[in-house]
Amino acid sequence: MSVPFYRGLVALTVHDELESLLQAALLLVSQATASELAYIELQAEHGPRYAGHCEGSNLETIRASISRGIISRALAERCSIDTSSAMSDARFQDLNSVRQHAIAAVLCVPIGGDPAIGVLYLQRAHGAPGFTRSHRERTEDLCVLLDVFLHRLVDRAPAYVPLAEERDALRDRRIRQSLSRHKWNVTEAARELGVSRSLIYRLLPGLRRPKAGV
């Protein structure tokens, strides 16, 4: 676990303005994942909101450098898109944006459930290695908390969710991600997480493997 990164997540709770929250989140995740470019796009009732972070580039330059096709796919499939090279990925290699900008490693994660409130898009420099599993987990953890924080600040927001509930949601997500990686083998997931099997069952009462196709 990266202690500075998770301390950074906690520090995001002090932001009570949307713009400052987005910029702090982008700086945090770009440093944690060694991304050349970080971008957030939100859908709110009064129109979309955008924020970007890239050394020496303004928001319009950033928006012109990303792949709308990858973003659309992540939102449509409601899941993270992780590719070490969009140019050689059969899903994306024919997209105009990918060919025009020679887009390599991309990590794109929806923010929120169904429908998503937005998306977090990360891109690494051409020639850089792909994102690691740790990068993906940190980015997905950030998006879990951003969903809660953003609902407080944009006009879709329901009620405030206490920080303890945010922490528990993040913890449960990490456990379920580990279970999914290990095909719902609780023993293997517990070993990876460094906890006991009994703790997993206690934290996730009624735990059962999802049915295929659900």
C-alpha atoms as a PDB file:
ATOM      1  CA  MET A   1       0.000   0.000   0.000  1.00  0.00           C
ATOM      2  CA  SER A   2       1.249   3.495  -0.845  1.00  0.00           C
ATOM      3  CA  VAL A   3       0.911   5.472   2.393  1.00  0.00           C
ATOM      4  CA  PRO A   4       1.448   8.922   0.761  1.00  0.00           C
ATOM      5  CA  PHE A   5      -1.246   8.185  -1.839  1.00  0.00           C
ATOM      6  CA  TYR A   6      -3.858   7.134   0.706  1.00  0.00           C
ATOM      7  CA  ARG A   7      -2.986  10.097   2.895  1.00  0.00           C
ATOM      8  CA  GLY A   8      -3.617  12.173  -0.208  1.00  0.00           C
ATOM      9  CA  LEU A   9      -7.062  10.602  -0.550  1.00  0.00           C
ATOM     10  CA  VAL A  10      -7.894  11.634   2.994  1.00  0.00           C
ATOM     11  CA  ALA A  11      -6.629  15.160   2.274  1.00  0.00           C
ATOM     12  CA  LEU A  12      -9.183  15.509  -0.525  1.00  0.00           C
ATOM     13  CA  THR A  13     -11.917  15.747   2.116  1.00  0.00           C
ATOM     14  CA  VAL A  14     -10.891  19.326   2.937  1.00  0.00           C
ATOM     15  CA  HIS A  15     -11.952  20.655  -0.472  1.00  0.00           C
ATOM     16  CA  ASP A  16     -15.359  22.300  -0.580  1.00  0.00           C
ATOM     17  CA  GLU A  17     -15.098  23.722  -4.106  1.00  0.00           C
ATOM     18  CA  LEU A  18     -15.391  21.597  -7.217  1.00  0.00           C
ATOM     19  CA  GLU A  19     -12.451  23.053  -9.131  1.00  0.00           C
ATOM     20  CA  SER A  20      -9.978  22.729  -6.266  1.00  0.00           C
ATOM     21  CA  LEU A  21     -11.106  19.142  -5.620  1.00  0.00           C
ATOM     22  CA  LEU A  22     -10.629  18.135  -9.253  1.00  0.00           C
ATOM     23  CA  GLN A  23      -7.200  19.736  -9.536  1.00  0.00           C
ATOM     24  CA  ALA A  24      -6.013  18.151  -6.281  1.00  0.00           C
ATOM     25  CA  ALA A  25      -7.301  14.739  -7.394  1.00  0.00           C
ATOM     26  CA  LEU A  26      -5.622  15.043 -10.802  1.00  0.00           C
ATOM     27  CA  LEU A  27      -2.283  16.049  -9.293  1.00  0.00           C
ATOM     28  CA  LEU A  28      -2.482  13.192  -6.775  1.00  0.00           C
ATOM     29  CA  VAL A  29      -3.272  10.484  -9.331  1.00  0.00           C
ATOM     30  CA  SER A  30      -0.866  11.741 -11.995  1.00  0.00           C
ATOM     31  CA  GLN A  31       2.009  11.594  -9.504  1.00  0.00           C
ATOM     32  CA  ALA A  32       0.930   8.206  -8.127  1.00  0.00           C
ATOM     33  CA  THR A  33       0.745   6.646 -11.615  1.00  0.00           C
ATOM     34  CA  ALA A  34       3.516   8.588 -13.405  1.00  0.00           C
ATOM     35  CA  SER A  35       0.973   9.784 -15.975  1.00  0.00           C
ATOM     36  CA  GLU A  36       1.906  12.387 -18.555  1.00  0.00           C
ATOM     37  CA  LEU A  37      -1.707  13.528 -18.788  1.00  0.00           C
ATOM     38  CA  ALA A  38      -4.662  13.300 -16.402  1.00  0.00           C
ATOM     39  CA  TYR A  39      -8.196  14.365 -17.270  1.00  0.00           C
ATOM     40  CA  ILE A  40     -11.618  14.331 -15.594  1.00  0.00           C
ATOM     41  CA  GLU A  41     -14.908  14.799 -17.389  1.00  0.00           C
ATOM     42  CA  LEU A  42     -18.161  15.140 -15.444  1.00  0.00           C
ATOM     43  CA  GLN A  43     -21.801  15.194 -16.510  1.00  0.00           C
ATOM     44  CA  ALA A  44     -23.921  17.528 -14.375  1.00  0.00           C
ATOM     45  CA  GLU A  45     -27.491  18.770 -14.753  1.00  0.00           C
ATOM     46  CA  HIS A  46     -26.319  22.199 -15.869  1.00  0.00           C
ATOM     47  CA  GLY A  47     -23.818  20.879 -18.401  1.00  0.00           C
ATOM     48  CA  PRO A  48     -20.495  19.048 -18.503  1.00  0.00           C
ATOM     49  CA  ARG A  49     -17.486  20.007 -16.401  1.00  0.00           C
ATOM     50  CA  TYR A  50     -13.875  19.376 -17.393  1.00  0.00           C
ATOM     51  CA  ALA A  51     -10.505  19.449 -15.649  1.00  0.00           C
ATOM     52  CA  GLY A  52      -7.055  18.437 -16.802  1.00  0.00           C
ATOM     53  CA  HIS A  53      -3.465  18.202 -15.620  1.00  0.00           C
ATOM     54  CA  CYS A  54      -0.500  18.058 -17.977  1.00  0.00           C
ATOM     55  CA  GLU A  55       2.758  19.944 -17.540  1.00  0.00           C
ATOM     56  CA  GLY A  56       2.877  22.900 -19.946  1.00  0.00           C
ATOM     57  CA  SER A  57      -0.556  22.256 -21.500  1.00  0.00           C
ATOM     58  CA  ASN A  58      -3.896  23.978 -21.073  1.00  0.00           C
ATOM     59  CA  LEU A  59      -7.253  22.243 -20.843  1.00  0.00           C
ATOM     60  CA  GLU A  60      -8.102  22.594 -24.533  1.00  0.00           C
ATOM     61  CA  THR A  61      -4.766  21.057 -25.541  1.00  0.00           C
ATOM     62  CA  ILE A  62      -5.372  18.185 -23.153  1.00  0.00           C
ATOM     63  CA  ARG A  63      -8.881  17.571 -24.494  1.00  0.00           C
ATOM     64  CA  ALA A  64      -7.504  17.508 -28.036  1.00  0.00           C
ATOM     65  CA  SER A  65      -4.863  14.929 -27.068  1.00  0.00           C
ATOM     66  CA  ILE A  66      -7.084  12.226 -25.579  1.00  0.00           C
ATOM     67  CA  SER A  67      -9.227   9.505 -27.117  1.00  0.00           C
ATOM     68  CA  ARG A  68     -12.975  10.138 -26.956  1.00  0.00           C
ATOM     69  CA  GLY A  69     -13.510   6.595 -28.208  1.00  0.00           C
ATOM     70  CA  ILE A  70     -11.796   5.071 -25.180  1.00  0.00           C
ATOM     71  CA  ILE A  71     -13.795   7.303 -22.837  1.00  0.00           C
ATOM     72  CA  SER A  72     -17.046   6.345 -24.566  1.00  0.00           C
ATOM     73  CA  ARG A  73     -16.239   2.650 -24.260  1.00  0.00           C
ATOM     74  CA  ALA A  74     -15.425   2.902 -20.551  1.00  0.00           C
ATOM     75  CA  LEU A  75     -18.721   4.671 -19.906  1.00  0.00           C
ATOM     76  CA  ALA A  76     -20.747   2.330 -22.104  1.00  0.00           C
ATOM     77  CA  GLU A  77     -19.283  -0.825 -20.527  1.00  0.00           C
ATOM     78  CA  ARG A  78     -19.257   0.712 -17.028  1.00  0.00           C
ATOM     79  CA  CYS A  79     -15.797  -0.676 -16.339  1.00  0.00           C
ATOM     80  CA  SER A  80     -12.150   0.356 -16.323  1.00  0.00           C
ATOM     81  CA  ILE A  81     -10.253   0.368 -19.610  1.00  0.00           C
ATOM     82  CA  ASP A  82      -6.560  -0.466 -19.236  1.00  0.00           C
ATOM     83  CA  THR A  83      -4.369  -0.789 -22.310  1.00  0.00           C
ATOM     84  CA  SER A  84      -0.576  -0.753 -22.511  1.00  0.00           C
ATOM     85  CA  SER A  85      -0.758   0.582 -26.075  1.00  0.00           C
ATOM     86  CA  ALA A  86      -3.934   1.871 -27.693  1.00  0.00           C
ATOM     87  CA  MET A  87      -2.091   1.869 -31.047  1.00  0.00           C
ATOM     88  CA  SER A  88      -1.646  -1.895 -30.945  1.00  0.00           C
ATOM     89  CA  ASP A  89      -4.905  -2.708 -29.165  1.00  0.00           C
ATOM     90  CA  ALA A  90      -7.479  -4.167 -31.577  1.00  0.00           C
ATOM     91  CA  ARG A  91     -10.242  -2.338 -29.703  1.00  0.00           C
ATOM     92  CA  PHE A  92      -8.767   1.101 -30.320  1.00  0.00           C
ATOM     93  CA  GLN A  93      -6.088   1.020 -33.036  1.00  0.00           C
ATOM     94  CA  ASP A  94      -8.474   2.223 -35.749  1.00  0.00           C
ATOM     95  CA  LEU A  95      -9.697   5.265 -33.825  1.00  0.00           C
ATOM     96  CA  ASN A  96      -8.677   8.537 -35.463  1.00  0.00           C
ATOM     97  CA  SER A  97      -7.585  10.063 -32.149  1.00  0.00           C
ATOM     98  CA  VAL A  98      -5.367   7.087 -31.351  1.00  0.00           C
ATOM     99  CA  ARG A  99      -3.651   7.167 -34.738  1.00  0.00           C
ATOM    100  CA  GLN A 100      -3.345  10.959 -34.854  1.00  0.00           C
ATOM    101  CA  HIS A 101      -1.734  11.286 -31.425  1.00  0.00           C
ATOM    102  CA  ALA A 102       0.058   7.915 -31.338  1.00  0.00           C
ATOM    103  CA  ILE A 103      -1.638   7.138 -28.035  1.00  0.00           C
ATOM    104  CA  ALA A 104       0.095   4.409 -26.062  1.00  0.00           C
ATOM    105  CA  ALA A 105      -0.752   3.460 -22.462  1.00  0.00           C
ATOM    106  CA  VAL A 106      -4.195   4.568 -21.246  1.00  0.00           C
ATOM    107  CA  LEU A 107      -6.141   3.926 -18.047  1.00  0.00           C
ATOM    108  CA  CYS A 108      -9.745   5.137 -18.089  1.00  0.00           C
ATOM    109  CA  VAL A 109     -12.033   4.605 -15.076  1.00  0.00           C
ATOM    110  CA  PRO A 110     -15.715   5.576 -14.738  1.00  0.00           C
ATOM    111  CA  ILE A 111     -16.653   7.663 -11.713  1.00  0.00           C
ATOM    112  CA  GLY A 112     -19.853   6.473 -10.080  1.00  0.00           C
ATOM    113  CA  GLY A 113     -22.349   3.731 -10.734  1.00  0.00           C
ATOM    114  CA  ASP A 114     -25.118   3.458 -13.311  1.00  0.00           C
ATOM    115  CA  PRO A 115     -25.158   5.976 -14.793  1.00  0.00           C
ATOM    116  CA  ALA A 116     -21.623   7.193 -14.108  1.00  0.00           C
ATOM    117  CA  ILE A 117     -21.227  10.794 -13.073  1.00  0.00           C
ATOM    118  CA  GLY A 118     -18.034  11.058 -15.113  1.00  0.00           C
ATOM    119  CA  VAL A 119     -14.714   9.508 -16.016  1.00  0.00           C
ATOM    120  CA  LEU A 120     -11.047   9.743 -15.016  1.00  0.00           C
ATOM    121  CA  TYR A 121      -8.661   9.327 -17.954  1.00  0.00           C
ATOM    122  CA  LEU A 122      -4.891   8.819 -17.615  1.00  0.00           C
ATOM    123  CA  GLN A 123      -2.356   8.680 -20.438  1.00  0.00           C
ATOM    124  CA  ARG A 124       1.353   7.932 -20.339  1.00  0.00           C
ATOM    125  CA  ALA A 125       4.029   9.269 -22.660  1.00  0.00           C
ATOM    126  CA  HIS A 126       4.785   7.403 -25.880  1.00  0.00           C
ATOM    127  CA  GLY A 127       7.364   4.709 -25.151  1.00  0.00           C
ATOM    128  CA  ALA A 128       6.516   4.521 -21.442  1.00  0.00           C
ATOM    129  CA  PRO A 129       5.467   1.134 -20.020  1.00  0.00           C
ATOM    130  CA  GLY A 130       1.826   0.362 -19.365  1.00  0.00           C
ATOM    131  CA  PHE A 131       0.050   0.994 -16.091  1.00  0.00           C
ATOM    132  CA  THR A 132       0.569  -1.569 -13.331  1.00  0.00           C
ATOM    133  CA  ARG A 133      -2.105  -3.320 -11.285  1.00  0.00           C
ATOM    134  CA  SER A 134      -1.179  -1.031  -8.395  1.00  0.00           C
ATOM    135  CA  HIS A 135      -1.767   2.020 -10.609  1.00  0.00           C
ATOM    136  CA  ARG A 136      -5.170   0.696 -11.590  1.00  0.00           C
ATOM    137  CA  GLU A 137      -6.175  -0.095  -8.011  1.00  0.00           C
ATOM    138  CA  ARG A 138      -5.178   3.353  -6.767  1.00  0.00           C
ATOM    139  CA  THR A 139      -7.042   5.031  -9.602  1.00  0.00           C
ATOM    140  CA  GLU A 140     -10.176   2.963  -8.970  1.00  0.00           C
ATOM    141  CA  ASP A 141      -9.947   3.734  -5.242  1.00  0.00           C
ATOM    142  CA  LEU A 142      -9.745   7.437  -6.049  1.00  0.00           C
ATOM    143  CA  CYS A 143     -12.814   7.178  -8.289  1.00  0.00           C
ATOM    144  CA  VAL A 144     -14.822   5.496  -5.503  1.00  0.00           C
ATOM    145  CA  LEU A 145     -14.181   8.456  -3.214  1.00  0.00           C
ATOM    146  CA  LEU A 146     -14.559  11.047  -5.984  1.00  0.00           C
ATOM    147  CA  ASP A 147     -18.056   9.743  -6.629  1.00  0.00           C
ATOM    148  CA  VAL A 148     -19.006  10.568  -3.040  1.00  0.00           C
ATOM    149  CA  PHE A 149     -17.182  13.899  -2.918  1.00  0.00           C
ATOM    150  CA  LEU A 150     -18.512  15.057  -6.275  1.00  0.00           C
ATOM    151  CA  HIS A 151     -22.101  14.338  -5.341  1.00  0.00           C
ATOM    152  CA  ARG A 152     -21.680  16.848  -2.556  1.00  0.00           C
ATOM    153  CA  LEU A 153     -20.448  19.548  -4.910  1.00  0.00           C
ATOM    154  CA  VAL A 154     -22.353  19.181  -8.173  1.00  0.00           C
ATOM    155  CA  ASP A 155     -26.053  19.650  -8.663  1.00  0.00           C
ATOM    156  CA  ARG A 156     -26.910  15.924  -8.776  1.00  0.00           C
ATOM    157  CA  ALA A 157     -26.001  15.510  -5.128  1.00  0.00           C
ATOM    158  CA  PRO A 158     -28.111  13.495  -2.688  1.00  0.00           C
ATOM    159  CA  ALA A 159     -27.391  13.465   1.032  1.00  0.00           C
ATOM    160  CA  TYR A 160     -23.982  13.667   2.675  1.00  0.00           C
ATOM    161  CA  VAL A 161     -22.261  10.329   3.254  1.00  0.00           C
ATOM    162  CA  PRO A 162     -20.111  10.181   6.416  1.00  0.00           C
ATOM    163  CA  LEU A 163     -16.390   9.616   5.991  1.00  0.00           C
ATOM    164  CA  ALA A 164     -16.635   6.279   7.829  1.00  0.00           C
ATOM    165  CA  GLU A 165     -19.048   5.024   5.167  1.00  0.00           C
ATOM    166  CA  GLU A 166     -16.688   6.227   2.415  1.00  0.00           C
ATOM    167  CA  ARG A 167     -13.846   4.327   4.070  1.00  0.00           C
ATOM    168  CA  ASP A 168     -15.949   1.177   4.400  1.00  0.00           C
ATOM    169  CA  ALA A 169     -17.057   1.371   0.758  1.00  0.00           C
ATOM    170  CA  LEU A 170     -13.432   1.681  -0.323  1.00  0.00           C
ATOM    171  CA  ARG A 171     -12.383  -1.252   1.857  1.00  0.00           C
ATOM    172  CA  ASP A 172     -15.200  -3.476   0.581  1.00  0.00           C
ATOM    173  CA  ARG A 173     -14.363  -2.598  -3.020  1.00  0.00           C
ATOM    174  CA  ARG A 174     -10.732  -3.616  -2.512  1.00  0.00           C
ATOM    175  CA  ILE A 175     -11.823  -6.939  -1.002  1.00  0.00           C
ATOM    176  CA  ARG A 176     -14.206  -7.669  -3.880  1.00  0.00           C
ATOM    177  CA  GLN A 177     -11.542  -6.747  -6.436  1.00  0.00           C
ATOM    178  CA  SER A 178      -9.155  -9.226  -4.835  1.00  0.00           C
ATOM    179  CA  LEU A 179     -11.835 -11.919  -4.723  1.00  0.00           C
ATOM    180  CA  SER A 180     -12.592 -11.367  -8.384  1.00  0.00           C
ATOM    181  CA  ARG A 181      -8.899 -11.669  -9.314  1.00  0.00           C
ATOM    182  CA  HIS A 182      -8.722 -14.974  -7.447  1.00  0.00           C
ATOM    183  CA  LYS A 183     -12.007 -16.314  -8.872  1.00  0.00           C
ATOM    184  CA  TRP A 184     -13.692 -15.849  -5.483  1.00  0.00           C
ATOM    185  CA  ASN A 185     -11.203 -18.031  -3.647  1.00  0.00           C
ATOM    186  CA  VAL A 186     -11.414 -16.468  -0.177  1.00  0.00           C
ATOM    187  CA  THR A 187      -8.176 -18.101   1.015  1.00  0.00           C
ATOM    188  CA  GLU A 188      -6.146 -16.629  -1.858  1.00  0.00           C
ATOM    189  CA  ALA A 189      -7.782 -13.204  -1.509  1.00  0.00           C
ATOM    190  CA  ALA A 190      -7.074 -13.169   2.228  1.00  0.00           C
ATOM    191  CA  ARG A 191      -3.429 -14.053   1.566  1.00  0.00           C
ATOM    192  CA  GLU A 192      -3.085 -11.213  -0.969  1.00  0.00           C
ATOM    193  CA  LEU A 193      -4.734  -8.681   1.340  1.00  0.00           C
ATOM    194  CA  GLY A 194      -2.833  -9.847   4.406  1.00  0.00           C
ATOM    195  CA  VAL A 195      -5.981 -10.544   6.445  1.00  0.00           C
ATOM    196  CA  SER A 196      -7.751 -13.640   7.762  1.00  0.00           C
ATOM    197  CA  ARG A 197     -10.525 -15.478   5.958  1.00  0.00           C
ATOM    198  CA  SER A 198     -12.795 -14.893   8.956  1.00  0.00           C
ATOM    199  CA  LEU A 199     -12.288 -11.127   8.667  1.00  0.00           C
ATOM    200  CA  ILE A 200     -13.402 -11.159   5.030  1.00  0.00           C
ATOM    201  CA  TYR A 201     -16.538 -13.080   5.942  1.00  0.00           C
ATOM    202  CA  ARG A 202     -17.182 -10.715   8.841  1.00  0.00           C
ATOM    203  CA  LEU A 203     -16.743  -7.587   6.706  1.00  0.00           C
ATOM    204  CA  LEU A 204     -18.848  -8.975   3.855  1.00  0.00           C
ATOM    205  CA  PRO A 205     -21.697 -10.894   5.521  1.00  0.00           C
ATOM    206  CA  GLY A 206     -23.650 -13.080   3.141  1.00  0.00           C
ATOM    207  CA  LEU A 207     -20.680 -13.198   0.775  1.00  0.00           C
ATOM    208  CA  ARG A 208     -21.342 -15.323  -2.262  1.00  0.00           C
ATOM    209  CA  ARG A 209     -19.841 -15.566  -5.732  1.00  0.00           C
ATOM    210  CA  PRO A 210     -21.824 -13.549  -8.345  1.00  0.00           C
ATOM    211  CA  LYS A 211     -23.755 -15.601 -10.872  1.00  0.00           C
ATOM    212  CA  ALA A 212     -22.243 -15.686 -14.356  1.00  0.00           C
ATOM    213  CA  GLY A 213     -23.603 -13.008 -16.633  1.00  0.00           C
ATOM    214  CA  VAL A 214     -25.020 -10.884 -13.806  1.00  0.00           C
END
